[in-house]
C-alpha atoms as a PDB file:
ATOM      1  CA  UNK A   1     102.316 103.111  79.653  1.00  0.00           C
ATOM      2  CA  UNK A   2     100.081 105.572  77.838  1.00  0.00           C
ATOM      3  CA  UNK A   3      97.458 103.664  75.828  1.00  0.00           C
ATOM      4  CA  UNK A   4      97.998 103.604  72.080  1.00  0.00           C
ATOM      5  CA  UNK A   5      94.537 105.090  71.461  1.00  0.00           C
ATOM      6  CA  UNK A   6      95.469 108.148  73.544  1.00  0.00           C
ATOM      7  CA  UNK A   7      98.921 108.643  71.979  1.00  0.00           C
ATOM      8  CA  UNK A   8     100.136 111.033  69.347  1.00  0.00           C
ATOM      9  CA  UNK A   9     102.003 109.443  66.439  1.00  0.00           C
ATOM     10  CA  UNK A  10     105.310 110.207  68.138  1.00  0.00           C
ATOM     11  CA  UNK A  11     104.191 108.790  71.511  1.00  0.00           C
ATOM     12  CA  UNK A  12     102.868 105.570  69.996  1.00  0.00           C
ATOM     13  CA  UNK A  13     106.328 104.637  68.725  1.00  0.00           C
ATOM     14  CA  UNK A  14     108.332 106.083  71.627  1.00  0.00           C
ATOM     15  CA  UNK A  15     110.454 103.369  73.235  1.00  0.00           C
ATOM     16  CA  UNK A  16     110.047 105.113  76.602  1.00  0.00           C
ATOM     17  CA  UNK A  17     106.265 104.680  76.523  1.00  0.00           C
ATOM     18  CA  UNK A  18     106.568 101.214  77.993  1.00  0.00           C
ATOM     19  CA  UNK A  19     107.963  99.185  80.857  1.00  0.00           C
ATOM     20  CA  UNK A  20     109.152  95.615  81.033  1.00  0.00           C
ATOM     21  CA  UNK A  21     107.126  94.059  83.858  1.00  0.00           C
ATOM     22  CA  UNK A  22     106.244  90.512  84.794  1.00  0.00           C
ATOM     23  CA  UNK A  23     102.795  89.400  83.567  1.00  0.00           C
ATOM     24  CA  UNK A  24     101.299  89.745  87.070  1.00  0.00           C
ATOM     25  CA  UNK A  25     102.798  93.188  87.642  1.00  0.00           C
ATOM     26  CA  UNK A  26     101.698  94.263  84.159  1.00  0.00           C
ATOM     27  CA  UNK A  27      98.102  93.273  84.891  1.00  0.00           C
ATOM     28  CA  UNK A  28      98.093  95.249  88.161  1.00  0.00           C
ATOM     29  CA  UNK A  29      99.637  98.237  86.353  1.00  0.00           C
ATOM     30  CA  UNK A  30      97.139  98.010  83.506  1.00  0.00           C
ATOM     31  CA  UNK A  31      94.219  98.034  85.949  1.00  0.00           C
ATOM     32  CA  UNK A  32      95.647 100.950  87.924  1.00  0.00           C
ATOM     33  CA  UNK A  33      96.237  98.937  91.088  1.00  0.00           C
ATOM     34  CA  UNK A  34      99.915  99.839  91.091  1.00  0.00           C
ATOM     35  CA  UNK A  35     101.865 102.690  89.593  1.00  0.00           C
ATOM     36  CA  UNK A  36     105.439 103.914  89.768  1.00  0.00           C
ATOM     37  CA  UNK A  37     106.628 107.287  91.016  1.00  0.00           C
ATOM     38  CA  UNK A  38     109.390 109.280  89.327  1.00  0.00           C
ATOM     39  CA  UNK A  39     112.023 107.728  91.595  1.00  0.00           C
ATOM     40  CA  UNK A  40     110.947 104.190  90.631  1.00  0.00           C
ATOM     41  CA  UNK A  41     109.096 103.371  93.845  1.00  0.00           C
ATOM     42  CA  UNK A  42     105.996 101.179  93.523  1.00  0.00           C
ATOM     43  CA  UNK A  43     102.754 102.905  94.493  1.00  0.00           C
ATOM     44  CA  UNK A  44     100.022 100.623  95.802  1.00  0.00           C
ATOM     45  CA  UNK A  45      96.336 101.377  95.361  1.00  0.00           C
ATOM     46  CA  UNK A  46      94.134 101.353  98.447  1.00  0.00           C
ATOM     47  CA  UNK A  47      91.911  98.990  96.409  1.00  0.00           C
ATOM     48  CA  UNK A  48      94.676  96.375  96.175  1.00  0.00           C
ATOM     49  CA  UNK A  49      93.975  93.370  98.400  1.00  0.00           C
ATOM     50  CA  UNK A  50      96.539  92.798 101.158  1.00  0.00           C
ATOM     51  CA  UNK A  51      96.738  89.123 100.164  1.00  0.00           C
ATOM     52  CA  UNK A  52      98.012  90.105  96.716  1.00  0.00           C
ATOM     53  CA  UNK A  53     100.463  92.570  98.236  1.00  0.00           C
ATOM     54  CA  UNK A  54     101.818  89.845 100.529  1.00  0.00           C
ATOM     55  CA  UNK A  55     101.811  87.000  97.983  1.00  0.00           C
ATOM     56  CA  UNK A  56     103.603  89.089  95.359  1.00  0.00           C
ATOM     57  CA  UNK A  57     105.852  90.666  98.015  1.00  0.00           C
ATOM     58  CA  UNK A  58     105.075  94.079  96.547  1.00  0.00           C
ATOM     59  CA  UNK A  59     106.134  95.937  99.680  1.00  0.00           C
ATOM     60  CA  UNK A  60     109.603  94.376  99.361  1.00  0.00           C
ATOM     61  CA  UNK A  61     110.278  95.879  95.926  1.00  0.00           C
ATOM     62  CA  UNK A  62     112.600  98.762  96.595  1.00  0.00           C
ATOM     63  CA  UNK A  63     112.875 100.394  93.193  1.00  0.00           C
ATOM     64  CA  UNK A  64     112.270  99.917  89.483  1.00  0.00           C
ATOM     65  CA  UNK A  65     114.702 101.544  87.074  1.00  0.00           C
ATOM     66  CA  UNK A  66     112.986 104.539  85.512  1.00  0.00           C
ATOM     67  CA  UNK A  67     114.557 106.511  82.691  1.00  0.00           C
ATOM     68  CA  UNK A  68     114.067 110.262  82.672  1.00  0.00           C
ATOM     69  CA  UNK A  69     112.053 109.908  79.441  1.00  0.00           C
ATOM     70  CA  UNK A  70     109.625 107.409  81.078  1.00  0.00           C
ATOM     71  CA  UNK A  71     108.500 110.033  83.578  1.00  0.00           C
ATOM     72  CA  UNK A  72     106.045 111.874  81.312  1.00  0.00           C
ATOM     73  CA  UNK A  73     104.250 108.586  80.592  1.00  0.00           C
ATOM     74  CA  UNK A  74     104.330 107.499  84.232  1.00  0.00           C
ATOM     75  CA  UNK A  75     102.778 110.839  85.167  1.00  0.00           C
ATOM     76  CA  UNK A  76     100.003 110.127  82.649  1.00  0.00           C
ATOM     77  CA  UNK A  77      99.450 106.719  84.257  1.00  0.00           C
ATOM     78  CA  UNK A  78      99.339 108.117  87.799  1.00  0.00           C
ATOM     79  CA  UNK A  79      96.920 110.854  86.738  1.00  0.00           C
ATOM     80  CA  UNK A  80      94.609 108.815  84.479  1.00  0.00           C
ATOM     81  CA  UNK A  81      94.846 105.143  85.451  1.00  0.00           C
ATOM     82  CA  UNK A  82      96.077 104.763  89.019  1.00  0.00           C
ATOM     83  CA  UNK A  83      93.329 104.122  91.568  1.00  0.00           C
ATOM     84  CA  UNK A  84      94.390 105.813  94.775  1.00  0.00           C
END
């Protein structure tokens, strides 16, 4: 979640600094077009094309399992990567 180059030594090897996503979801996440709130709900960027939202059925995803320890890294992503 938090890029390796921005991590402390501890963060770079923290198992909670990562999410298992499909390749398409990972690419959207990496480019800040989606993020995940602390409850596991997908956040969609206003820059994300409606065709992609519909084709990937992003609005139908109810929740992604988020561990309490993922939240610090997800907050980093929402603050530094997510394009509102």
